[in-house]
Amino acid sequence: MEQSIKEIPFGVTADGQAVQLFRIPNSTNDYVEVSTYGCSIKSVFIHNRRGALQNMLAGFETLAEYEQASTPICGIAAGAAAGDYARLLGHKVWKVEETGDNYVLMSCATSAEESGCAMTVGVRIMWVNLNRLVVDLYVTPEQQAAVNFACQFPFRMLESGGLDGYVTRTFCAITLVEGEMCPISDTAYADMAFQPVEGSSVTFISGDDEVKPMAELANVQAGLAVSAYGNLSSLRVEPQPQLGSVLVSQSMMREVTLGGGETLSGRVIYGFDKLLTKEELENPEPSCFGGFC
C-alpha cells in the first residue's frame, strides 16, 4: 500500500451530493478511512495477531446505510454542539479544507434555521505511526451559544462478533454510580484493575482539561487493546450486544457558553495495540506495540 493519503469516491447521496472517502495509511500499512458524509470514520484497519488486516470498528459498509441511520453512532468523529446538533452534522456532507500525508481537515456550517444558532464545526483526523488516531475538534458559533463536544466509536475486536472477553479499566479518579460521582478507589476499578464489560454501561470522569489517559478496552481472546486519551471530561463504555461491539464515547460533562466568533477546541486520541502473550513477554522481540499481561 502507498504510504500517502488516497481519495476514493464513496457514492452519491439521495439529494445528489458526491461523497468521498479518504484512506490514510501509516508506516506499517495500517490505515483509517474517513468519509465526508458526517465526517465519519468508517473503518480502522490494523494488523491483528495473525498478521491480517482487521477493521476495529462496527461501522457501515455503504453510504446508503449511513444516510438511513437514525443516529450517527457508527464510526462518527464529529464535534457536537447543543441539542440535536450532532445528529444534524452526522447527516451532512462536509467540506474538505485541507489534506496532508497523514490527516484530513473538514468543516461543516449550519444555519440558525437548522440548529437555532449558526455555527461552524471543524474536525482534523490524523493517523500516525504506532497506530494512534488523533481527532481535533473545533466549534465556532456566530452568536452567543452553549456548545459541547462528543466523539464516539463502536469498537469490535472479535471478528466473529459477540461480547465475550471484553474488559476495561480506567485511569480517571471518579466514576458515576447511579448518577452520583464516586471515587474510583471505592469501586472495583481501583488500582487500574480490569473489569468485565457486562450488561450495563460505566462512565468515568476526569477532573482537568489536559490531554491525559482515560481508559483502556481490551479483549484477550482477540489479543487486541484500545487506549483512550483526551481532554474532554467524561468517557462512557457501553456494550452493544446487537452489534457485537462496545461503544466508547467521550464528551464534556457541561456545556460551555461561547460568544459570537469564539472557538472551543478539544482533542481525543485512541491507540490500537496488540496484546503480548506470556511467552512473548518472556522472550521479547523488537516491536512497535506495547505489552500487556
Protein backbone atom coordinates (compact mmCIF):
# COMPACT_ATOMS: atom_id res chain seq x y z
CA MET A 1 0.00 0.00 0.00
CA GLU A 2 1.21 3.50 -0.80
CA GLN A 3 2.01 5.44 2.37
CA SER A 4 0.12 8.57 1.35
CA ILE A 5 -3.47 9.66 1.67
CA LYS A 6 -5.81 8.42 -1.06
CA GLU A 7 -9.17 9.87 -2.10
CA ILE A 8 -11.82 7.35 -3.19
CA PRO A 9 -15.40 8.00 -4.42
CA PHE A 10 -17.87 6.67 -1.83
CA GLY A 11 -21.13 7.35 -3.68
CA VAL A 12 -23.82 9.96 -4.16
CA THR A 13 -26.41 10.95 -1.56
CA ALA A 14 -30.15 10.75 -2.19
CA ASP A 15 -30.16 14.50 -2.93
CA GLY A 16 -27.30 14.22 -5.44
CA GLN A 17 -24.22 15.23 -3.44
CA ALA A 18 -20.96 13.39 -4.15
CA VAL A 19 -19.30 11.80 -1.10
CA GLN A 20 -15.59 10.99 -0.85
CA LEU A 21 -13.66 8.51 1.27
CA PHE A 22 -10.12 9.34 2.41
CA ARG A 23 -7.83 6.42 3.19
CA ILE A 24 -4.93 7.41 5.46
CA PRO A 25 -2.14 4.83 5.92
CA ASN A 26 0.84 4.88 8.27
CA SER A 27 4.34 3.39 8.06
CA THR A 28 3.12 -0.12 8.97
CA ASN A 29 0.36 -0.05 6.31
CA ASP A 30 -2.40 0.06 8.88
CA TYR A 31 -5.00 2.64 7.82
CA VAL A 32 -8.19 4.53 8.60
CA GLU A 33 -10.97 5.54 6.22
CA VAL A 34 -12.80 8.84 6.71
CA SER A 35 -15.99 9.80 4.85
CA THR A 36 -17.09 13.33 4.00
CA TYR A 37 -20.62 12.22 4.89
CA GLY A 38 -20.93 13.20 8.54
CA CYS A 39 -17.13 13.42 8.84
CA SER A 40 -17.45 9.79 9.96
CA ILE A 41 -14.57 7.40 10.48
CA LYS A 42 -15.79 4.41 8.51
CA SER A 43 -13.04 1.98 9.48
CA VAL A 44 -9.79 1.49 11.37
CA PHE A 45 -7.79 -1.37 9.87
CA ILE A 46 -4.87 -2.72 11.88
CA HIS A 47 -2.84 -5.92 11.64
CA ASN A 48 -4.11 -8.44 14.19
CA ARG A 49 -2.16 -11.26 15.89
CA ARG A 50 -2.33 -13.37 12.70
CA GLY A 51 -0.86 -10.53 10.66
CA ALA A 52 -4.14 -9.97 8.80
CA LEU A 53 -5.79 -6.57 8.47
CA GLN A 54 -8.86 -6.31 10.71
CA ASN A 55 -11.40 -3.50 10.99
CA MET A 56 -11.70 -2.40 14.63
CA LEU A 57 -14.99 -0.54 14.09
CA ALA A 58 -18.53 -1.86 13.74
CA GLY A 59 -19.40 0.74 11.13
CA PHE A 60 -21.49 0.64 7.98
CA GLU A 61 -20.27 -0.55 4.59
CA THR A 62 -22.32 1.67 2.27
CA LEU A 63 -23.27 5.33 2.03
CA ALA A 64 -26.97 4.37 1.93
CA GLU A 65 -26.65 2.76 5.37
CA TYR A 66 -25.17 5.96 6.81
CA GLU A 67 -27.99 8.01 5.26
CA GLN A 68 -30.66 5.70 6.71
CA ALA A 69 -29.19 5.58 10.23
CA SER A 70 -31.46 7.28 12.77
CA THR A 71 -28.49 8.34 14.90
CA PRO A 72 -24.90 8.80 13.69
CA ILE A 73 -23.25 6.38 16.13
CA CYS A 74 -21.22 4.14 13.84
CA GLY A 75 -17.75 5.50 13.38
CA ILE A 76 -18.79 9.13 13.88
CA ALA A 77 -15.97 11.51 14.78
CA ALA A 78 -17.71 14.87 14.53
CA GLY A 79 -17.77 17.52 17.18
CA ALA A 80 -21.20 18.20 18.60
CA ALA A 81 -22.89 21.35 19.86
CA ALA A 82 -26.00 21.72 21.99
CA GLY A 83 -29.28 19.92 21.33
CA ASP A 84 -29.62 17.67 18.27
CA TYR A 85 -26.66 19.29 16.52
CA ALA A 86 -24.69 16.02 16.45
CA ARG A 87 -27.46 14.28 14.51
CA LEU A 88 -27.66 17.22 12.11
CA LEU A 89 -23.90 17.15 11.46
CA GLY A 90 -23.94 13.39 11.02
CA HIS A 91 -26.22 13.67 8.00
CA LYS A 92 -24.44 16.46 6.14
CA VAL A 93 -21.69 16.30 3.52
CA TRP A 94 -18.68 18.09 4.99
CA LYS A 95 -16.28 20.39 3.17
CA VAL A 96 -12.66 19.24 2.85
CA GLU A 97 -10.48 22.17 3.93
CA GLU A 98 -7.05 20.55 3.78
CA THR A 99 -5.27 17.21 3.46
CA GLY A 100 -1.73 16.17 4.35
CA ASP A 101 0.30 12.98 4.33
CA ASN A 102 -1.43 11.68 7.47
CA TYR A 103 -4.51 13.84 8.07
CA VAL A 104 -7.68 15.34 6.64
CA LEU A 105 -9.31 18.55 7.90
CA MET A 106 -13.05 19.04 7.30
CA SER A 107 -15.63 21.63 8.27
CA CYS A 108 -19.40 21.91 8.31
CA ALA A 109 -21.51 25.06 8.70
CA THR A 110 -25.14 25.12 9.78
CA SER A 111 -27.66 27.93 9.67
CA ALA A 112 -29.73 29.37 12.51
CA GLU A 113 -32.83 27.88 10.87
CA GLU A 114 -31.33 24.38 11.10
CA SER A 115 -29.85 24.45 14.59
CA GLY A 116 -31.12 27.55 16.38
CA CYS A 117 -27.71 29.23 16.05
CA ALA A 118 -25.43 29.44 13.04
CA MET A 119 -22.22 27.50 13.80
CA THR A 120 -19.17 26.12 12.08
CA VAL A 121 -17.62 22.86 13.26
CA GLY A 122 -14.17 21.67 12.23
CA VAL A 123 -12.58 18.24 12.67
CA ARG A 124 -8.99 17.23 11.89
CA ILE A 125 -8.38 13.48 11.82
CA MET A 126 -4.77 12.26 11.94
CA TRP A 127 -3.50 8.68 11.71
CA VAL A 128 0.09 8.44 12.93
CA ASN A 129 2.69 5.75 13.49
CA LEU A 130 2.21 3.24 16.33
CA ASN A 131 -1.47 3.21 15.28
CA ARG A 132 -2.56 6.36 17.07
CA LEU A 133 -5.76 8.08 15.90
CA VAL A 134 -5.85 11.79 16.81
CA VAL A 135 -9.11 13.73 16.45
CA ASP A 136 -9.06 17.51 16.95
CA LEU A 137 -12.45 19.19 17.35
CA TYR A 138 -13.40 22.86 16.87
CA VAL A 139 -16.69 24.74 17.08
CA THR A 140 -17.37 28.46 16.46
CA PRO A 141 -20.88 29.96 16.81
CA GLU A 142 -21.84 33.18 15.01
CA GLN A 143 -23.59 34.45 18.14
CA GLN A 144 -23.59 33.51 21.82
CA ALA A 145 -24.44 29.85 22.28
CA ALA A 146 -23.97 26.91 24.66
CA VAL A 147 -21.84 24.24 22.95
CA ASN A 148 -20.45 20.79 23.69
CA PHE A 149 -18.33 18.09 22.10
CA ALA A 150 -18.98 14.37 21.62
CA CYS A 151 -16.85 11.74 19.93
CA GLN A 152 -17.88 8.09 19.89
CA PHE A 153 -16.72 4.83 18.34
CA PRO A 154 -18.23 1.33 18.33
CA PHE A 155 -15.21 -0.97 18.73
CA ARG A 156 -15.33 -4.60 17.62
CA MET A 157 -12.24 -6.70 18.37
CA LEU A 158 -13.72 -10.17 17.82
CA GLU A 159 -14.06 -10.90 14.11
CA SER A 160 -16.91 -13.29 14.90
CA GLY A 161 -18.77 -10.64 16.91
CA GLY A 162 -20.12 -11.14 20.41
CA LEU A 163 -19.02 -9.59 23.70
CA ASP A 164 -17.05 -12.47 25.21
CA GLY A 165 -13.79 -11.49 26.88
CA TYR A 166 -14.08 -7.70 26.79
CA VAL A 167 -12.58 -5.96 29.82
CA THR A 168 -11.96 -2.31 30.66
CA ARG A 169 -10.02 -0.27 33.17
CA THR A 170 -9.69 3.44 33.88
CA PHE A 171 -7.02 5.98 34.75
CA CYS A 172 -9.63 8.50 35.94
CA ALA A 173 -10.24 9.31 39.61
CA ILE A 174 -14.06 9.38 39.52
CA THR A 175 -16.90 7.27 38.16
CA LEU A 176 -20.66 7.66 38.12
CA VAL A 177 -22.65 5.26 40.30
CA GLU A 178 -26.44 5.62 39.93
CA GLY A 179 -25.89 9.17 38.72
CA GLU A 180 -23.68 10.18 41.64
CA MET A 181 -19.94 10.82 41.48
CA CYS A 182 -17.94 8.19 43.33
CA PRO A 183 -14.15 7.87 43.87
CA ILE A 184 -12.64 5.12 41.75
CA SER A 185 -10.81 3.94 44.89
CA ASP A 186 -14.18 2.86 46.31
CA THR A 187 -15.04 0.69 43.28
CA ALA A 188 -13.86 -2.49 41.59
CA TYR A 189 -11.85 -0.28 39.18
CA ALA A 190 -9.45 0.80 41.96
CA ASP A 191 -5.71 0.44 41.23
CA MET A 192 -6.43 0.38 37.45
CA ALA A 193 -7.94 -3.12 37.73
CA PHE A 194 -9.56 -4.56 34.61
CA GLN A 195 -13.26 -5.39 34.96
CA PRO A 196 -15.55 -7.28 32.55
CA VAL A 197 -17.67 -5.24 30.16
CA GLU A 198 -21.04 -6.62 31.15
CA GLY A 199 -24.68 -5.74 30.53
CA SER A 200 -24.58 -2.18 31.87
CA SER A 201 -22.55 0.86 30.89
CA VAL A 202 -19.99 2.70 33.02
CA THR A 203 -18.92 6.36 32.94
CA PHE A 204 -15.53 7.65 34.05
CA ILE A 205 -14.91 11.31 34.95
CA SER A 206 -11.70 13.31 34.61
CA GLY A 207 -11.05 16.49 36.55
CA ASP A 208 -8.91 18.69 34.28
CA ASP A 209 -8.67 19.98 30.72
CA GLU A 210 -5.31 18.47 29.75
CA VAL A 211 -4.98 15.56 27.33
CA LYS A 212 -4.48 12.50 29.52
CA PRO A 213 -5.11 8.75 29.53
CA MET A 214 -8.70 7.96 30.49
CA ALA A 215 -9.46 4.27 29.90
CA GLU A 216 -8.42 1.08 28.15
CA LEU A 217 -10.60 -1.54 26.46
CA ALA A 218 -9.09 -4.97 25.80
CA ASN A 219 -10.02 -8.45 24.63
CA VAL A 220 -7.58 -11.23 25.49
CA GLN A 221 -9.24 -13.66 23.08
CA ALA A 222 -8.67 -11.25 20.19
CA GLY A 223 -5.27 -10.20 21.53
CA LEU A 224 -6.09 -6.53 20.99
CA ALA A 225 -6.48 -3.38 23.09
CA VAL A 226 -7.67 0.20 22.57
CA SER A 227 -6.42 3.01 24.81
CA ALA A 228 -8.41 6.24 25.06
CA TYR A 229 -6.94 9.66 25.82
CA GLY A 230 -8.46 13.12 25.68
CA ASN A 231 -9.21 16.47 27.27
CA LEU A 232 -12.97 16.01 27.36
CA SER A 233 -14.27 15.43 30.86
CA SER A 234 -16.10 12.11 30.61
CA LEU A 235 -15.75 8.71 28.95
CA ARG A 236 -18.54 6.14 28.73
CA VAL A 237 -18.12 2.43 27.96
CA GLU A 238 -21.34 0.78 26.77
CA PRO A 239 -21.80 -2.80 25.48
CA GLN A 240 -23.81 -3.13 22.26
CA PRO A 241 -24.95 -6.76 22.05
CA GLN A 242 -26.94 -6.14 18.86
CA LEU A 243 -23.77 -5.04 17.05
CA GLY A 244 -21.29 -7.29 18.85
CA SER A 245 -19.35 -4.17 19.77
CA VAL A 246 -18.51 -1.86 22.67
CA LEU A 247 -19.35 1.83 22.24
CA VAL A 248 -16.76 4.19 23.73
CA SER A 249 -17.94 7.80 23.94
CA GLN A 250 -16.02 10.86 25.07
CA SER A 251 -17.86 14.11 25.82
CA MET A 252 -17.94 17.16 28.05
CA MET A 253 -19.89 16.92 31.31
CA ARG A 254 -21.14 20.50 30.93
CA GLU A 255 -21.82 22.83 28.05
CA VAL A 256 -19.61 25.88 27.55
CA THR A 257 -21.09 29.24 26.62
CA LEU A 258 -19.21 30.98 23.81
CA GLY A 259 -19.63 34.47 22.44
CA GLY A 260 -20.10 35.04 18.73
CA GLY A 261 -16.86 34.28 16.88
CA GLU A 262 -15.23 32.50 19.84
CA THR A 263 -13.86 28.98 19.29
CA LEU A 264 -13.85 25.97 21.56
CA SER A 265 -11.40 23.16 20.83
CA GLY A 266 -10.95 19.60 22.09
CA ARG A 267 -8.83 16.55 21.38
CA VAL A 268 -9.32 12.80 21.71
CA ILE A 269 -6.74 10.11 20.93
CA TYR A 270 -7.14 6.37 20.51
CA GLY A 271 -4.21 3.95 20.49
CA PHE A 272 -4.55 0.48 18.96
CA ASP A 273 -2.20 -2.23 20.26
CA LYS A 274 -1.66 -5.98 20.11
CA LEU A 275 -1.51 -7.82 23.43
CA LEU A 276 1.59 -9.89 24.03
CA THR A 277 1.30 -13.46 25.29
CA LYS A 278 3.20 -14.68 28.35
CA GLU A 279 5.72 -16.40 26.06
CA GLU A 280 6.25 -13.21 24.06
CA LEU A 281 6.77 -11.22 27.24
CA GLU A 282 9.35 -13.74 28.48
CA ASN A 283 11.12 -13.80 25.09
CA PRO A 284 10.67 -10.27 23.74
CA GLU A 285 11.43 -9.29 20.18
CA PRO A 286 11.76 -5.72 18.93
CA SER A 287 8.22 -4.41 18.38
CA CYS A 288 6.36 -1.13 17.98
CA PHE A 289 3.50 -2.49 20.07
CA GLY A 290 3.03 -2.23 23.81
CA GLY A 291 2.98 -5.28 26.08
CA PHE A 292 0.21 -6.16 28.47
CA CYS A 293 -0.16 -9.17 30.76
